[in-house]
Amino acid sequence: MTQEKGLRMPLYYFHIRENGLLREDPEGAEFATLDQATEEAMRSAREILAEKVSQGRVVDGQVFEITDEEGTVRATIPFKSVLRLE
């Protein structure tokens, strides 16, 4: 846990929604800002998609739902939104 003068950074959870099912992140991770949490979700989505592509699996439909400690959805990141297609 990162602390500065006794303060803890906010905890964000990276739940994955796919085909109507929600896989919850039980641990979460601390980030100073929602923007930093969003950047991490985008990086993670790229890694997950790269693995799916290398295995010949479908890469459509997954979404990160980033929630705060109270369970409020603060951002949604569709995995395919991180792809760069021309």
PDB file of N, CA and C in Angstrom:
ATOM      1  N   MET A   1       0.842  -1.175   0.000  1.00  0.00           N
ATOM      2  CA  MET A   1       0.000   0.000   0.000  1.00  0.00           C
ATOM      3  C   MET A   1       0.885   1.235   0.000  1.00  0.00           C
ATOM      4  N   THR A   2       0.590   2.173  -0.861  1.00  0.00           N
ATOM      5  CA  THR A   2       1.354   3.402  -0.935  1.00  0.00           C
ATOM      6  C   THR A   2       0.739   4.423   0.013  1.00  0.00           C
ATOM      7  N   GLN A   3       1.564   5.003   0.847  1.00  0.00           N
ATOM      8  CA  GLN A   3       1.057   5.989   1.780  1.00  0.00           C
ATOM      9  C   GLN A   3       1.903   7.240   1.730  1.00  0.00           C
ATOM     10  N   GLU A   4       1.256   8.361   1.890  1.00  0.00           N
ATOM     11  CA  GLU A   4       1.944   9.633   1.974  1.00  0.00           C
ATOM     12  C   GLU A   4       1.252  10.423   3.061  1.00  0.00           C
ATOM     13  N   LYS A   5       1.972  10.701   4.144  1.00  0.00           N
ATOM     14  CA  LYS A   5       1.404  11.414   5.278  1.00  0.00           C
ATOM     15  C   LYS A   5       0.137  10.729   5.776  1.00  0.00           C
ATOM     16  N   GLY A   6       0.142   9.392   5.824  1.00  0.00           N
ATOM     17  CA  GLY A   6      -0.993   8.655   6.362  1.00  0.00           C
ATOM     18  C   GLY A   6      -2.173   8.514   5.422  1.00  0.00           C
ATOM     19  N   LEU A   7      -2.076   9.045   4.219  1.00  0.00           N
ATOM     20  CA  LEU A   7      -3.189   8.952   3.274  1.00  0.00           C
ATOM     21  C   LEU A   7      -2.969   7.780   2.331  1.00  0.00           C
ATOM     22  N   ARG A   8      -4.049   7.095   2.011  1.00  0.00           N
ATOM     23  CA  ARG A   8      -4.009   5.962   1.097  1.00  0.00           C
ATOM     24  C   ARG A   8      -4.572   6.401  -0.240  1.00  0.00           C
ATOM     25  N   MET A   9      -3.977   5.896  -1.312  1.00  0.00           N
ATOM     26  CA  MET A   9      -4.501   6.209  -2.647  1.00  0.00           C
ATOM     27  C   MET A   9      -5.831   5.485  -2.835  1.00  0.00           C
ATOM     28  N   PRO A  10      -6.685   6.016  -3.701  1.00  0.00           N
ATOM     29  CA  PRO A  10      -7.967   5.359  -3.967  1.00  0.00           C
ATOM     30  C   PRO A  10      -7.768   3.958  -4.548  1.00  0.00           C
ATOM     31  N   LEU A  11      -8.680   3.074  -4.204  1.00  0.00           N
ATOM     32  CA  LEU A  11      -8.663   1.705  -4.697  1.00  0.00           C
ATOM     33  C   LEU A  11      -9.680   1.587  -5.832  1.00  0.00           C
ATOM     34  N   TYR A  12      -9.234   1.020  -6.948  1.00  0.00           N
ATOM     35  CA  TYR A  12     -10.103   0.808  -8.103  1.00  0.00           C
ATOM     36  C   TYR A  12     -10.141  -0.683  -8.420  1.00  0.00           C
ATOM     37  N   TYR A  13     -11.304  -1.139  -8.846  1.00  0.00           N
ATOM     38  CA  TYR A  13     -11.495  -2.542  -9.215  1.00  0.00           C
ATOM     39  C   TYR A  13     -11.702  -2.632 -10.713  1.00  0.00           C
ATOM     40  N   PHE A  14     -11.114  -3.656 -11.334  1.00  0.00           N
ATOM     41  CA  PHE A  14     -11.189  -3.853 -12.780  1.00  0.00           C
ATOM     42  C   PHE A  14     -12.032  -5.093 -13.063  1.00  0.00           C
ATOM     43  N   HIS A  15     -13.339  -4.930 -13.037  1.00  0.00           N
ATOM     44  CA  HIS A  15     -14.246  -6.035 -13.339  1.00  0.00           C
ATOM     45  C   HIS A  15     -14.314  -6.216 -14.851  1.00  0.00           C
ATOM     46  N   ILE A  16     -14.536  -7.451 -15.290  1.00  0.00           N
ATOM     47  CA  ILE A  16     -14.658  -7.727 -16.724  1.00  0.00           C
ATOM     48  C   ILE A  16     -16.068  -8.226 -17.005  1.00  0.00           C
ATOM     49  N   ARG A  17     -16.769  -7.506 -17.897  1.00  0.00           N
ATOM     50  CA  ARG A  17     -18.101  -7.928 -18.324  1.00  0.00           C
ATOM     51  C   ARG A  17     -17.984  -8.523 -19.726  1.00  0.00           C
ATOM     52  N   GLU A  18     -18.582  -9.724 -19.895  1.00  0.00           N
ATOM     53  CA  GLU A  18     -18.559 -10.389 -21.191  1.00  0.00           C
ATOM     54  C   GLU A  18     -19.813 -11.238 -21.327  1.00  0.00           C
ATOM     55  N   ASN A  19     -20.525 -11.025 -22.420  1.00  0.00           N
ATOM     56  CA  ASN A  19     -21.753 -11.785 -22.702  1.00  0.00           C
ATOM     57  C   ASN A  19     -22.726 -11.759 -21.536  1.00  0.00           C
ATOM     58  N   GLY A  20     -22.880 -10.589 -20.923  1.00  0.00           N
ATOM     59  CA  GLY A  20     -23.835 -10.437 -19.833  1.00  0.00           C
ATOM     60  C   GLY A  20     -23.355 -10.924 -18.478  1.00  0.00           C
ATOM     61  N   LEU A  21     -22.174 -11.537 -18.419  1.00  0.00           N
ATOM     62  CA  LEU A  21     -21.625 -12.026 -17.150  1.00  0.00           C
ATOM     63  C   LEU A  21     -20.554 -11.070 -16.641  1.00  0.00           C
ATOM     64  N   LEU A  22     -20.495 -10.926 -15.321  1.00  0.00           N
ATOM     65  CA  LEU A  22     -19.510 -10.042 -14.714  1.00  0.00           C
ATOM     66  C   LEU A  22     -18.536 -10.871 -13.881  1.00  0.00           C
ATOM     67  N   ARG A  23     -17.243 -10.796 -14.248  1.00  0.00           N
ATOM     68  CA  ARG A  23     -16.180 -11.409 -13.440  1.00  0.00           C
ATOM     69  C   ARG A  23     -15.595 -10.296 -12.581  1.00  0.00           C
ATOM     70  N   GLU A  24     -15.783 -10.427 -11.281  1.00  0.00           N
ATOM     71  CA  GLU A  24     -15.358  -9.360 -10.384  1.00  0.00           C
ATOM     72  C   GLU A  24     -13.892  -9.487  -9.995  1.00  0.00           C
ATOM     73  N   ASP A  25     -13.243  -8.352  -9.916  1.00  0.00           N
ATOM     74  CA  ASP A  25     -11.873  -8.237  -9.432  1.00  0.00           C
ATOM     75  C   ASP A  25     -11.957  -8.164  -7.907  1.00  0.00           C
ATOM     76  N   PRO A  26     -11.511  -9.196  -7.193  1.00  0.00           N
ATOM     77  CA  PRO A  26     -11.669  -9.208  -5.736  1.00  0.00           C
ATOM     78  C   PRO A  26     -10.656  -8.352  -4.987  1.00  0.00           C
ATOM     79  N   GLU A  27      -9.546  -7.973  -5.645  1.00  0.00           N
ATOM     80  CA  GLU A  27      -8.468  -7.282  -4.940  1.00  0.00           C
ATOM     81  C   GLU A  27      -8.404  -5.790  -5.213  1.00  0.00           C
ATOM     82  N   GLY A  28      -8.591  -5.402  -6.464  1.00  0.00           N
ATOM     83  CA  GLY A  28      -8.438  -4.004  -6.827  1.00  0.00           C
ATOM     84  C   GLY A  28      -6.984  -3.586  -6.824  1.00  0.00           C
ATOM     85  N   ALA A  29      -6.757  -2.337  -7.163  1.00  0.00           N
ATOM     86  CA  ALA A  29      -5.403  -1.775  -7.183  1.00  0.00           C
ATOM     87  C   ALA A  29      -5.495  -0.286  -6.871  1.00  0.00           C
ATOM     88  N   GLU A  30      -4.446   0.216  -6.237  1.00  0.00           N
ATOM     89  CA  GLU A  30      -4.418   1.627  -5.876  1.00  0.00           C
ATOM     90  C   GLU A  30      -3.826   2.471  -7.003  1.00  0.00           C
ATOM     91  N   PHE A  31      -4.492   3.573  -7.291  1.00  0.00           N
ATOM     92  CA  PHE A  31      -4.020   4.547  -8.265  1.00  0.00           C
ATOM     93  C   PHE A  31      -4.326   5.930  -7.726  1.00  0.00           C
ATOM     94  N   ALA A  32      -3.456   6.873  -8.028  1.00  0.00           N
ATOM     95  CA  ALA A  32      -3.651   8.237  -7.551  1.00  0.00           C
ATOM     96  C   ALA A  32      -4.872   8.894  -8.197  1.00  0.00           C
ATOM     97  N   THR A  33      -5.141   8.532  -9.474  1.00  0.00           N
ATOM     98  CA  THR A  33      -6.245   9.161 -10.197  1.00  0.00           C
ATOM     99  C   THR A  33      -7.008   8.114 -11.015  1.00  0.00           C
ATOM    100  N   LEU A  34      -8.218   8.465 -11.385  1.00  0.00           N
ATOM    101  CA  LEU A  34      -9.005   7.613 -12.277  1.00  0.00           C
ATOM    102  C   LEU A  34      -8.325   7.500 -13.640  1.00  0.00           C
ATOM    103  N   ASP A  35      -7.686   8.576 -14.098  1.00  0.00           N
ATOM    104  CA  ASP A  35      -6.969   8.529 -15.378  1.00  0.00           C
ATOM    105  C   ASP A  35      -5.876   7.465 -15.358  1.00  0.00           C
ATOM    106  N   GLN A  36      -5.147   7.352 -14.247  1.00  0.00           N
ATOM    107  CA  GLN A  36      -4.107   6.335 -14.143  1.00  0.00           C
ATOM    108  C   GLN A  36      -4.716   4.935 -14.141  1.00  0.00           C
ATOM    109  N   ALA A  37      -5.840   4.769 -13.470  1.00  0.00           N
ATOM    110  CA  ALA A  37      -6.522   3.473 -13.457  1.00  0.00           C
ATOM    111  C   ALA A  37      -7.002   3.123 -14.862  1.00  0.00           C
ATOM    112  N   THR A  38      -7.506   4.103 -15.591  1.00  0.00           N
ATOM    113  CA  THR A  38      -7.976   3.895 -16.956  1.00  0.00           C
ATOM    114  C   THR A  38      -6.830   3.484 -17.875  1.00  0.00           C
ATOM    115  N   GLU A  39      -5.685   4.141 -17.736  1.00  0.00           N
ATOM    116  CA  GLU A  39      -4.509   3.776 -18.538  1.00  0.00           C
ATOM    117  C   GLU A  39      -4.089   2.339 -18.268  1.00  0.00           C
ATOM    118  N   GLU A  40      -4.131   1.925 -17.011  1.00  0.00           N
ATOM    119  CA  GLU A  40      -3.778   0.546 -16.668  1.00  0.00           C
ATOM    120  C   GLU A  40      -4.777  -0.439 -17.264  1.00  0.00           C
ATOM    121  N   ALA A  41      -6.059  -0.089 -17.237  1.00  0.00           N
ATOM    122  CA  ALA A  41      -7.078  -0.957 -17.834  1.00  0.00           C
ATOM    123  C   ALA A  41      -6.847  -1.101 -19.333  1.00  0.00           C
ATOM    124  N   MET A  42      -6.488  -0.026 -19.995  1.00  0.00           N
ATOM    125  CA  MET A  42      -6.233  -0.080 -21.432  1.00  0.00           C
ATOM    126  C   MET A  42      -5.017  -0.949 -21.733  1.00  0.00           C
ATOM    127  N   ARG A  43      -3.957  -0.829 -20.934  1.00  0.00           N
ATOM    128  CA  ARG A  43      -2.770  -1.657 -21.111  1.00  0.00           C
ATOM    129  C   ARG A  43      -3.124  -3.134 -20.908  1.00  0.00           C
ATOM    130  N   SER A  44      -3.890  -3.403 -19.872  1.00  0.00           N
ATOM    131  CA  SER A  44      -4.296  -4.785 -19.581  1.00  0.00           C
ATOM    132  C   SER A  44      -5.176  -5.350 -20.690  1.00  0.00           C
ATOM    133  N   ALA A  45      -6.082  -4.533 -21.228  1.00  0.00           N
ATOM    134  CA  ALA A  45      -6.947  -4.981 -22.320  1.00  0.00           C
ATOM    135  C   ALA A  45      -6.114  -5.353 -23.539  1.00  0.00           C
ATOM    136  N   ARG A  46      -5.081  -4.570 -23.837  1.00  0.00           N
ATOM    137  CA  ARG A  46      -4.203  -4.887 -24.967  1.00  0.00           C
ATOM    138  C   ARG A  46      -3.511  -6.235 -24.755  1.00  0.00           C
ATOM    139  N   GLU A  47      -3.044  -6.484 -23.537  1.00  0.00           N
ATOM    140  CA  GLU A  47      -2.379  -7.757 -23.236  1.00  0.00           C
ATOM    141  C   GLU A  47      -3.340  -8.934 -23.385  1.00  0.00           C
ATOM    142  N   ILE A  48      -4.546  -8.782 -22.869  1.00  0.00           N
ATOM    143  CA  ILE A  48      -5.544  -9.858 -22.955  1.00  0.00           C
ATOM    144  C   ILE A  48      -5.907 -10.121 -24.411  1.00  0.00           C
ATOM    145  N   LEU A  49      -6.108  -9.045 -25.183  1.00  0.00           N
ATOM    146  CA  LEU A  49      -6.453  -9.201 -26.593  1.00  0.00           C
ATOM    147  C   LEU A  49      -5.314  -9.858 -27.368  1.00  0.00           C
ATOM    148  N   ALA A  50      -4.076  -9.476 -27.070  1.00  0.00           N
ATOM    149  CA  ALA A  50      -2.930 -10.073 -27.771  1.00  0.00           C
ATOM    150  C   ALA A  50      -2.886 -11.575 -27.529  1.00  0.00           C
ATOM    151  N   GLU A  51      -3.160 -11.987 -26.311  1.00  0.00           N
ATOM    152  CA  GLU A  51      -3.161 -13.414 -26.005  1.00  0.00           C
ATOM    153  C   GLU A  51      -4.293 -14.126 -26.754  1.00  0.00           C
ATOM    154  N   LYS A  52      -5.480 -13.504 -26.784  1.00  0.00           N
ATOM    155  CA  LYS A  52      -6.611 -14.108 -27.503  1.00  0.00           C
ATOM    156  C   LYS A  52      -6.308 -14.237 -28.996  1.00  0.00           C
ATOM    157  N   VAL A  53      -5.732 -13.196 -29.585  1.00  0.00           N
ATOM    158  CA  VAL A  53      -5.404 -13.228 -31.009  1.00  0.00           C
ATOM    159  C   VAL A  53      -4.398 -14.336 -31.283  1.00  0.00           C
ATOM    160  N   SER A  54      -3.379 -14.454 -30.435  1.00  0.00           N
ATOM    161  CA  SER A  54      -2.357 -15.479 -30.657  1.00  0.00           C
ATOM    162  C   SER A  54      -2.920 -16.889 -30.536  1.00  0.00           C
ATOM    163  N   GLN A  55      -4.033 -17.038 -29.825  1.00  0.00           N
ATOM    164  CA  GLN A  55      -4.677 -18.344 -29.663  1.00  0.00           C
ATOM    165  C   GLN A  55      -5.802 -18.560 -30.675  1.00  0.00           C
ATOM    166  N   GLY A  56      -6.025 -17.560 -31.549  1.00  0.00           N
ATOM    167  CA  GLY A  56      -7.072 -17.674 -32.554  1.00  0.00           C
ATOM    168  C   GLY A  56      -8.481 -17.566 -31.988  1.00  0.00           C
ATOM    169  N   ARG A  57      -8.610 -16.916 -30.836  1.00  0.00           N
ATOM    170  CA  ARG A  57      -9.921 -16.780 -30.191  1.00  0.00           C
ATOM    171  C   ARG A  57     -10.599 -15.469 -30.604  1.00  0.00           C
ATOM    172  N   VAL A  58     -11.899 -15.397 -30.400  1.00  0.00           N
ATOM    173  CA  VAL A  58     -12.689 -14.201 -30.708  1.00  0.00           C
ATOM    174  C   VAL A  58     -12.301 -13.081 -29.745  1.00  0.00           C
ATOM    175  N   VAL A  59     -12.184 -11.864 -30.280  1.00  0.00           N
ATOM    176  CA  VAL A  59     -11.753 -10.724 -29.466  1.00  0.00           C
ATOM    177  C   VAL A  59     -12.826  -9.648 -29.359  1.00  0.00           C
ATOM    178  N   ASP A  60     -14.064 -10.041 -29.295  1.00  0.00           N
ATOM    179  CA  ASP A  60     -15.153  -9.069 -29.256  1.00  0.00           C
ATOM    180  C   ASP A  60     -15.985  -9.274 -28.004  1.00  0.00           C
ATOM    181  N   GLY A  61     -16.448  -8.190 -27.423  1.00  0.00           N
ATOM    182  CA  GLY A  61     -17.455  -8.270 -26.382  1.00  0.00           C
ATOM    183  C   GLY A  61     -17.005  -8.020 -24.960  1.00  0.00           C
ATOM    184  N   GLN A  62     -15.719  -8.075 -24.668  1.00  0.00           N
ATOM    185  CA  GLN A  62     -15.295  -7.846 -23.289  1.00  0.00           C
ATOM    186  C   GLN A  62     -15.179  -6.356 -23.001  1.00  0.00           C
ATOM    187  N   VAL A  63     -15.536  -6.001 -21.758  1.00  0.00           N
ATOM    188  CA  VAL A  63     -15.478  -4.610 -21.314  1.00  0.00           C
ATOM    189  C   VAL A  63     -14.935  -4.579 -19.886  1.00  0.00           C
ATOM    190  N   PHE A  64     -13.969  -3.696 -19.626  1.00  0.00           N
ATOM    191  CA  PHE A  64     -13.580  -3.436 -18.246  1.00  0.00           C
ATOM    192  C   PHE A  64     -14.579  -2.461 -17.656  1.00  0.00           C
ATOM    193  N   GLU A  65     -15.072  -2.755 -16.464  1.00  0.00           N
ATOM    194  CA  GLU A  65     -15.854  -1.801 -15.690  1.00  0.00           C
ATOM    195  C   GLU A  65     -14.984  -1.431 -14.497  1.00  0.00           C
ATOM    196  N   ILE A  66     -14.505  -0.208 -14.492  1.00  0.00           N
ATOM    197  CA  ILE A  66     -13.667   0.260 -13.395  1.00  0.00           C
ATOM    198  C   ILE A  66     -14.584   0.858 -12.337  1.00  0.00           C
ATOM    199  N   THR A  67     -14.517   0.285 -11.136  1.00  0.00           N
ATOM    200  CA  THR A  67     -15.356   0.790 -10.051  1.00  0.00           C
ATOM    201  C   THR A  67     -14.488   1.310  -8.916  1.00  0.00           C
ATOM    202  N   ASP A  68     -15.073   2.189  -8.124  1.00  0.00           N
ATOM    203  CA  ASP A  68     -14.381   2.676  -6.936  1.00  0.00           C
ATOM    204  C   ASP A  68     -14.713   1.766  -5.757  1.00  0.00           C
ATOM    205  N   GLU A  69     -14.246   2.116  -4.582  1.00  0.00           N
ATOM    206  CA  GLU A  69     -14.432   1.274  -3.406  1.00  0.00           C
ATOM    207  C   GLU A  69     -15.894   1.125  -2.996  1.00  0.00           C
ATOM    208  N   GLU A  70     -16.730   2.075  -3.394  1.00  0.00           N
ATOM    209  CA  GLU A  70     -18.156   2.000  -3.071  1.00  0.00           C
ATOM    210  C   GLU A  70     -18.934   1.175  -4.100  1.00  0.00           C
ATOM    211  N   GLY A  71     -18.260   0.746  -5.176  1.00  0.00           N
ATOM    212  CA  GLY A  71     -18.916  -0.045  -6.204  1.00  0.00           C
ATOM    213  C   GLY A  71     -19.507   0.768  -7.339  1.00  0.00           C
ATOM    214  N   THR A  72     -19.264   2.070  -7.339  1.00  0.00           N
ATOM    215  CA  THR A  72     -19.747   2.939  -8.407  1.00  0.00           C
ATOM    216  C   THR A  72     -18.882   2.757  -9.646  1.00  0.00           C
ATOM    217  N   VAL A  73     -19.513   2.513 -10.792  1.00  0.00           N
ATOM    218  CA  VAL A  73     -18.764   2.391 -12.043  1.00  0.00           C
ATOM    219  C   VAL A  73     -18.263   3.778 -12.418  1.00  0.00           C
ATOM    220  N   ARG A  74     -16.947   3.908 -12.487  1.00  0.00           N
ATOM    221  CA  ARG A  74     -16.324   5.196 -12.794  1.00  0.00           C
ATOM    222  C   ARG A  74     -15.927   5.310 -14.255  1.00  0.00           C
ATOM    223  N   ALA A  75     -15.701   4.165 -14.913  1.00  0.00           N
ATOM    224  CA  ALA A  75     -15.329   4.169 -16.336  1.00  0.00           C
ATOM    225  C   ALA A  75     -15.596   2.789 -16.914  1.00  0.00           C
ATOM    226  N   THR A  76     -15.896   2.762 -18.214  1.00  0.00           N
ATOM    227  CA  THR A  76     -16.013   1.493 -18.933  1.00  0.00           C
ATOM    228  C   THR A  76     -15.069   1.552 -20.122  1.00  0.00           C
ATOM    229  N   ILE A  77     -14.333   0.466 -20.317  1.00  0.00           N
ATOM    230  CA  ILE A  77     -13.360   0.388 -21.395  1.00  0.00           C
ATOM    231  C   ILE A  77     -13.646  -0.859 -22.219  1.00  0.00           C
ATOM    232  N   PRO A  78     -14.330  -0.716 -23.373  1.00  0.00           N
ATOM    233  CA  PRO A  78     -14.487  -1.878 -24.253  1.00  0.00           C
ATOM    234  C   PRO A  78     -13.110  -2.313 -24.747  1.00  0.00           C
ATOM    235  N   PHE A  79     -12.824  -3.604 -24.651  1.00  0.00           N
ATOM    236  CA  PHE A  79     -11.506  -4.083 -25.049  1.00  0.00           C
ATOM    237  C   PHE A  79     -11.179  -3.685 -26.480  1.00  0.00           C
ATOM    238  N   LYS A  80     -12.159  -3.823 -27.383  1.00  0.00           N
ATOM    239  CA  LYS A  80     -11.835  -3.537 -28.781  1.00  0.00           C
ATOM    240  C   LYS A  80     -11.570  -2.045 -29.025  1.00  0.00           C
ATOM    241  N   SER A  81     -11.868  -1.193 -28.040  1.00  0.00           N
ATOM    242  CA  SER A  81     -11.586   0.246 -28.203  1.00  0.00           C
ATOM    243  C   SER A  81     -10.089   0.534 -28.125  1.00  0.00           C
ATOM    244  N   VAL A  82      -9.281  -0.419 -27.631  1.00  0.00           N
ATOM    245  CA  VAL A  82      -7.844  -0.182 -27.529  1.00  0.00           C
ATOM    246  C   VAL A  82      -7.094  -0.634 -28.780  1.00  0.00           C
ATOM    247  N   LEU A  83      -7.804  -1.255 -29.709  1.00  0.00           N
ATOM    248  CA  LEU A  83      -7.189  -1.712 -30.957  1.00  0.00           C
ATOM    249  C   LEU A  83      -6.987  -0.534 -31.900  1.00  0.00           C
ATOM    250  N   ARG A  84      -5.887  -0.546 -32.625  1.00  0.00           N
ATOM    251  CA  ARG A  84      -5.641   0.463 -33.649  1.00  0.00           C
ATOM    252  C   ARG A  84      -5.750  -0.224 -35.000  1.00  0.00           C
ATOM    253  N   LEU A  85      -6.855   0.047 -35.676  1.00  0.00           N
ATOM    254  CA  LEU A  85      -7.085  -0.545 -37.000  1.00  0.00           C
ATOM    255  C   LEU A  85      -7.126   0.572 -38.038  1.00  0.00           C
ATOM    256  N   GLU A  86      -6.520   0.328 -39.182  1.00  0.00           N
ATOM    257  CA  GLU A  86      -6.549   1.348 -40.240  1.00  0.00           C
ATOM    258  C   GLU A  86      -7.256   0.801 -41.457  1.00  0.00           C
TER     259      GLU A  86
END
